[in-house]
Amino acid sequence: MPYGARRIRPHGDFLLHDLGPSRADPAPEPGPELAPGEWPTAPLWGLGHAYAVGGERGSWLHDGPARRLTEATLWHGGTAQPARDAFAALGPADRAALIFYLDGL
């Protein structure tokens, strides 16, 4: 199948998000489009391969400080606070199911 005919589902919104004051490091590429604490959403495809590439320690968030998806999710704030709170409110089985799904991307 030619490359141009392939269908992809990128699992990402490709938007800039304010992650709140706890993640307000200087923008990776300073400019008028990125403010401190504002980061582009990373694409979610290939998450299941991250441990194979990064070893036991994953590389989550904009600069890789989180070791697990759960940790990365719980460190969000700002415009991501409602999603973070919804994730935190999940029961253990639902949280595990969501992480299992993400690891399969």
N, C-alpha and C. Protein backbone atom coordinates (compact mmCIF):
# COMPACT_ATOMS: atom_id res chain seq x y z
N MET A 1 0.85 -1.17 0.00
CA MET A 1 0.00 0.00 0.00
C MET A 1 0.90 1.24 0.00
N PRO A 2 0.69 2.18 -0.89
CA PRO A 2 1.50 3.40 -0.92
C PRO A 2 1.34 4.20 0.36
N TYR A 3 2.41 4.86 0.75
CA TYR A 3 2.39 5.62 2.01
C TYR A 3 1.22 6.60 2.06
N GLY A 4 0.93 7.31 1.01
CA GLY A 4 -0.13 8.30 1.00
C GLY A 4 -1.52 7.72 1.21
N ALA A 5 -1.69 6.42 1.01
CA ALA A 5 -3.00 5.79 1.13
C ALA A 5 -3.22 5.21 2.53
N ARG A 6 -2.24 5.30 3.41
CA ARG A 6 -2.38 4.71 4.74
C ARG A 6 -3.19 5.62 5.65
N ARG A 7 -3.94 4.99 6.51
CA ARG A 7 -4.74 5.72 7.48
C ARG A 7 -4.07 5.62 8.84
N ILE A 8 -3.93 6.74 9.52
CA ILE A 8 -3.36 6.71 10.86
C ILE A 8 -4.37 7.30 11.83
N ARG A 9 -4.26 6.89 13.07
CA ARG A 9 -5.06 7.45 14.16
C ARG A 9 -4.05 7.89 15.22
N PRO A 10 -3.69 9.15 15.23
CA PRO A 10 -2.56 9.60 16.03
C PRO A 10 -2.77 9.66 17.54
N HIS A 11 -3.98 9.58 18.04
CA HIS A 11 -4.22 9.64 19.48
C HIS A 11 -3.53 10.84 20.13
N GLY A 12 -3.87 12.00 19.70
CA GLY A 12 -3.34 13.22 20.29
C GLY A 12 -4.14 14.40 19.80
N ASP A 13 -4.10 15.50 20.53
CA ASP A 13 -4.85 16.66 20.08
C ASP A 13 -3.95 17.72 19.43
N PHE A 14 -2.64 17.59 19.58
CA PHE A 14 -1.67 18.47 18.94
C PHE A 14 -1.88 19.94 19.30
N LEU A 15 -2.38 20.19 20.49
CA LEU A 15 -2.61 21.54 20.96
C LEU A 15 -1.56 21.92 21.99
N LEU A 16 -1.49 23.20 22.31
CA LEU A 16 -0.65 23.69 23.40
C LEU A 16 -1.50 23.73 24.66
N HIS A 17 -0.94 23.26 25.77
CA HIS A 17 -1.66 23.24 27.03
C HIS A 17 -0.83 23.88 28.12
N ASP A 18 -1.49 24.64 28.97
CA ASP A 18 -0.87 25.19 30.17
C ASP A 18 -0.94 24.10 31.22
N LEU A 19 0.22 23.57 31.63
CA LEU A 19 0.25 22.47 32.60
C LEU A 19 0.29 22.96 34.04
N GLY A 20 0.21 24.27 34.24
CA GLY A 20 0.17 24.81 35.59
C GLY A 20 1.55 25.18 36.10
N PRO A 21 1.59 25.86 37.25
CA PRO A 21 2.85 26.39 37.77
C PRO A 21 3.90 25.32 38.11
N SER A 22 3.48 24.11 38.44
CA SER A 22 4.46 23.08 38.79
C SER A 22 5.27 22.62 37.57
N ARG A 23 4.76 22.86 36.37
CA ARG A 23 5.47 22.47 35.15
C ARG A 23 5.88 23.70 34.36
N ALA A 24 6.03 24.85 35.02
CA ALA A 24 6.30 26.11 34.34
C ALA A 24 7.78 26.33 34.04
N ASP A 25 8.45 25.30 33.55
CA ASP A 25 9.83 25.46 33.09
C ASP A 25 9.82 26.35 31.87
N PRO A 26 10.95 26.93 31.53
CA PRO A 26 10.98 27.72 30.28
C PRO A 26 10.59 26.85 29.09
N ALA A 27 9.94 27.45 28.14
CA ALA A 27 9.53 26.73 26.94
C ALA A 27 10.74 26.17 26.22
N PRO A 28 10.62 24.98 25.59
CA PRO A 28 11.76 24.36 24.92
C PRO A 28 12.29 25.18 23.75
N GLU A 29 11.42 25.88 23.07
CA GLU A 29 11.82 26.74 21.97
C GLU A 29 11.13 28.07 22.18
N PRO A 30 11.78 28.97 22.95
CA PRO A 30 11.10 30.22 23.29
C PRO A 30 10.60 30.95 22.06
N GLY A 31 9.47 31.55 22.21
CA GLY A 31 8.88 32.31 21.12
C GLY A 31 7.51 32.77 21.54
N PRO A 32 6.88 33.58 20.75
CA PRO A 32 5.57 34.11 21.14
C PRO A 32 4.49 33.04 21.23
N GLU A 33 4.71 31.88 20.60
CA GLU A 33 3.67 30.85 20.62
C GLU A 33 3.75 29.95 21.85
N LEU A 34 4.87 29.98 22.61
CA LEU A 34 5.00 29.14 23.80
C LEU A 34 5.31 30.01 25.02
N ALA A 35 4.49 29.91 26.04
CA ALA A 35 4.71 30.62 27.29
C ALA A 35 5.26 29.63 28.32
N PRO A 36 5.90 30.10 29.39
CA PRO A 36 6.35 29.18 30.45
C PRO A 36 5.18 28.34 30.96
N GLY A 37 5.39 27.06 31.07
CA GLY A 37 4.35 26.14 31.52
C GLY A 37 3.42 25.67 30.43
N GLU A 38 3.62 26.14 29.22
CA GLU A 38 2.78 25.74 28.09
C GLU A 38 3.58 24.79 27.21
N TRP A 39 2.97 23.64 26.94
CA TRP A 39 3.69 22.60 26.21
C TRP A 39 2.78 21.97 25.17
N PRO A 40 3.35 21.56 24.03
CA PRO A 40 2.54 20.83 23.05
C PRO A 40 2.25 19.42 23.56
N THR A 41 1.08 18.93 23.28
CA THR A 41 0.73 17.56 23.64
C THR A 41 1.58 16.60 22.83
N ALA A 42 2.21 15.68 23.52
CA ALA A 42 2.98 14.64 22.83
C ALA A 42 2.01 13.66 22.19
N PRO A 43 2.34 13.14 21.01
CA PRO A 43 1.48 12.11 20.43
C PRO A 43 1.52 10.86 21.31
N LEU A 44 0.42 10.15 21.37
CA LEU A 44 0.33 8.99 22.25
C LEU A 44 0.62 7.67 21.56
N TRP A 45 0.78 7.67 20.23
CA TRP A 45 1.06 6.39 19.57
C TRP A 45 2.45 5.93 19.98
N GLY A 46 2.62 4.64 20.09
CA GLY A 46 3.92 4.06 20.43
C GLY A 46 4.23 4.02 21.92
N LEU A 47 3.28 4.36 22.78
CA LEU A 47 3.56 4.35 24.22
C LEU A 47 4.01 2.97 24.69
N GLY A 48 3.44 1.93 24.12
CA GLY A 48 3.80 0.58 24.54
C GLY A 48 5.25 0.23 24.27
N HIS A 49 5.89 0.97 23.38
CA HIS A 49 7.30 0.70 23.07
C HIS A 49 8.25 1.55 23.89
N ALA A 50 7.73 2.47 24.66
CA ALA A 50 8.58 3.42 25.40
C ALA A 50 9.51 2.71 26.38
N TYR A 51 9.04 1.67 27.04
CA TYR A 51 9.90 0.98 28.00
C TYR A 51 11.00 0.20 27.29
N ALA A 52 10.71 -0.30 26.10
CA ALA A 52 11.74 -0.99 25.33
C ALA A 52 12.86 -0.03 24.93
N VAL A 53 12.49 1.22 24.65
CA VAL A 53 13.47 2.22 24.24
C VAL A 53 14.14 2.84 25.45
N GLY A 54 13.35 3.18 26.47
CA GLY A 54 13.86 3.90 27.63
C GLY A 54 14.24 3.03 28.80
N GLY A 55 14.11 1.72 28.67
CA GLY A 55 14.42 0.83 29.77
C GLY A 55 13.34 0.89 30.83
N GLU A 56 13.70 0.60 32.06
CA GLU A 56 12.73 0.59 33.16
C GLU A 56 12.14 1.97 33.38
N ARG A 57 12.92 3.00 33.16
CA ARG A 57 12.44 4.36 33.36
C ARG A 57 11.87 4.90 32.06
N GLY A 58 10.62 5.26 32.10
CA GLY A 58 10.01 5.88 30.93
C GLY A 58 10.48 7.32 30.80
N SER A 59 10.07 7.97 29.79
CA SER A 59 10.42 9.36 29.56
C SER A 59 9.14 10.13 29.30
N TRP A 60 8.46 10.48 30.37
CA TRP A 60 7.15 11.09 30.25
C TRP A 60 7.20 12.56 30.62
N LEU A 61 6.27 13.30 30.11
CA LEU A 61 6.15 14.75 30.20
C LEU A 61 7.14 15.38 29.24
N HIS A 62 7.14 16.67 29.17
CA HIS A 62 7.93 17.39 28.16
C HIS A 62 9.42 17.14 28.26
N ASP A 63 9.95 16.97 29.46
CA ASP A 63 11.40 16.80 29.61
C ASP A 63 11.76 15.48 30.27
N GLY A 64 10.82 14.55 30.35
CA GLY A 64 11.11 13.19 30.79
C GLY A 64 11.27 12.93 32.28
N PRO A 65 10.72 13.73 33.20
CA PRO A 65 10.96 13.46 34.62
C PRO A 65 10.11 12.34 35.21
N ALA A 66 8.98 12.04 34.59
CA ALA A 66 8.08 11.02 35.14
C ALA A 66 8.51 9.64 34.66
N ARG A 67 8.43 8.66 35.57
CA ARG A 67 8.85 7.30 35.23
C ARG A 67 7.72 6.44 34.72
N ARG A 68 6.49 6.80 35.02
CA ARG A 68 5.32 6.01 34.64
C ARG A 68 4.23 6.93 34.12
N LEU A 69 3.30 6.37 33.34
CA LEU A 69 2.18 7.16 32.83
C LEU A 69 1.32 7.70 33.97
N THR A 70 1.14 6.91 35.02
CA THR A 70 0.35 7.37 36.15
C THR A 70 0.97 8.61 36.77
N GLU A 71 2.27 8.58 36.97
CA GLU A 71 2.98 9.72 37.54
C GLU A 71 2.86 10.94 36.64
N ALA A 72 3.06 10.76 35.36
CA ALA A 72 2.96 11.88 34.42
C ALA A 72 1.56 12.48 34.43
N THR A 73 0.55 11.66 34.46
CA THR A 73 -0.82 12.15 34.47
C THR A 73 -1.12 12.95 35.74
N LEU A 74 -0.67 12.45 36.87
CA LEU A 74 -0.96 13.11 38.14
C LEU A 74 -0.17 14.40 38.33
N TRP A 75 0.87 14.64 37.55
CA TRP A 75 1.65 15.87 37.63
C TRP A 75 1.04 17.00 36.80
N HIS A 76 -0.01 16.73 36.06
CA HIS A 76 -0.62 17.78 35.25
C HIS A 76 -1.43 18.74 36.10
N GLY A 77 -1.49 19.96 35.66
CA GLY A 77 -2.30 21.00 36.30
C GLY A 77 -2.83 21.91 35.21
N GLY A 78 -3.09 23.15 35.56
CA GLY A 78 -3.53 24.13 34.57
C GLY A 78 -4.77 23.66 33.83
N THR A 79 -4.76 23.78 32.51
CA THR A 79 -5.92 23.39 31.72
C THR A 79 -6.15 21.88 31.75
N ALA A 80 -5.15 21.10 32.17
CA ALA A 80 -5.28 19.65 32.25
C ALA A 80 -5.80 19.19 33.61
N GLN A 81 -6.02 20.11 34.54
CA GLN A 81 -6.45 19.74 35.90
C GLN A 81 -7.73 18.90 35.92
N PRO A 82 -8.76 19.23 35.14
CA PRO A 82 -9.97 18.38 35.17
C PRO A 82 -9.69 16.93 34.72
N ALA A 83 -8.88 16.76 33.69
CA ALA A 83 -8.54 15.40 33.24
C ALA A 83 -7.71 14.69 34.30
N ARG A 84 -6.79 15.41 34.92
CA ARG A 84 -5.96 14.84 35.99
C ARG A 84 -6.84 14.39 37.15
N ASP A 85 -7.80 15.24 37.54
CA ASP A 85 -8.69 14.91 38.65
C ASP A 85 -9.58 13.72 38.32
N ALA A 86 -10.05 13.63 37.07
CA ALA A 86 -10.87 12.49 36.66
C ALA A 86 -10.06 11.20 36.73
N PHE A 87 -8.80 11.27 36.30
CA PHE A 87 -7.93 10.10 36.37
C PHE A 87 -7.69 9.71 37.83
N ALA A 88 -7.42 10.69 38.68
CA ALA A 88 -7.16 10.42 40.10
C ALA A 88 -8.38 9.80 40.78
N ALA A 89 -9.58 10.14 40.32
CA ALA A 89 -10.81 9.63 40.92
C ALA A 89 -11.15 8.20 40.47
N LEU A 90 -10.48 7.70 39.44
CA LEU A 90 -10.76 6.34 38.98
C LEU A 90 -10.41 5.32 40.05
N GLY A 91 -11.17 4.26 40.11
CA GLY A 91 -10.82 3.16 41.00
C GLY A 91 -9.62 2.40 40.44
N PRO A 92 -9.00 1.56 41.24
CA PRO A 92 -7.80 0.84 40.80
C PRO A 92 -8.00 0.03 39.52
N ALA A 93 -9.13 -0.64 39.38
CA ALA A 93 -9.36 -1.47 38.19
C ALA A 93 -9.51 -0.60 36.94
N ASP A 94 -10.25 0.50 37.05
CA ASP A 94 -10.43 1.38 35.89
C ASP A 94 -9.11 2.07 35.52
N ARG A 95 -8.36 2.48 36.51
CA ARG A 95 -7.06 3.11 36.23
C ARG A 95 -6.13 2.12 35.55
N ALA A 96 -6.09 0.89 36.04
CA ALA A 96 -5.24 -0.14 35.43
C ALA A 96 -5.69 -0.44 34.00
N ALA A 97 -7.00 -0.45 33.75
CA ALA A 97 -7.51 -0.70 32.40
C ALA A 97 -7.10 0.43 31.45
N LEU A 98 -7.15 1.67 31.91
CA LEU A 98 -6.75 2.80 31.08
C LEU A 98 -5.25 2.73 30.77
N ILE A 99 -4.43 2.45 31.75
CA ILE A 99 -2.98 2.34 31.51
C ILE A 99 -2.69 1.18 30.58
N PHE A 100 -3.40 0.07 30.73
CA PHE A 100 -3.23 -1.07 29.82
C PHE A 100 -3.55 -0.66 28.39
N TYR A 101 -4.64 0.08 28.20
CA TYR A 101 -5.01 0.56 26.88
C TYR A 101 -3.91 1.45 26.30
N LEU A 102 -3.44 2.41 27.08
CA LEU A 102 -2.40 3.32 26.60
C LEU A 102 -1.11 2.58 26.26
N ASP A 103 -0.76 1.59 27.06
CA ASP A 103 0.45 0.80 26.77
C ASP A 103 0.32 0.02 25.48
N GLY A 104 -0.90 -0.19 25.01
CA GLY A 104 -1.11 -0.92 23.76
C GLY A 104 -1.08 -0.06 22.52
N LEU A 105 -0.96 1.25 22.69
CA LEU A 105 -0.94 2.13 21.52
C LEU A 105 0.37 2.03 20.79
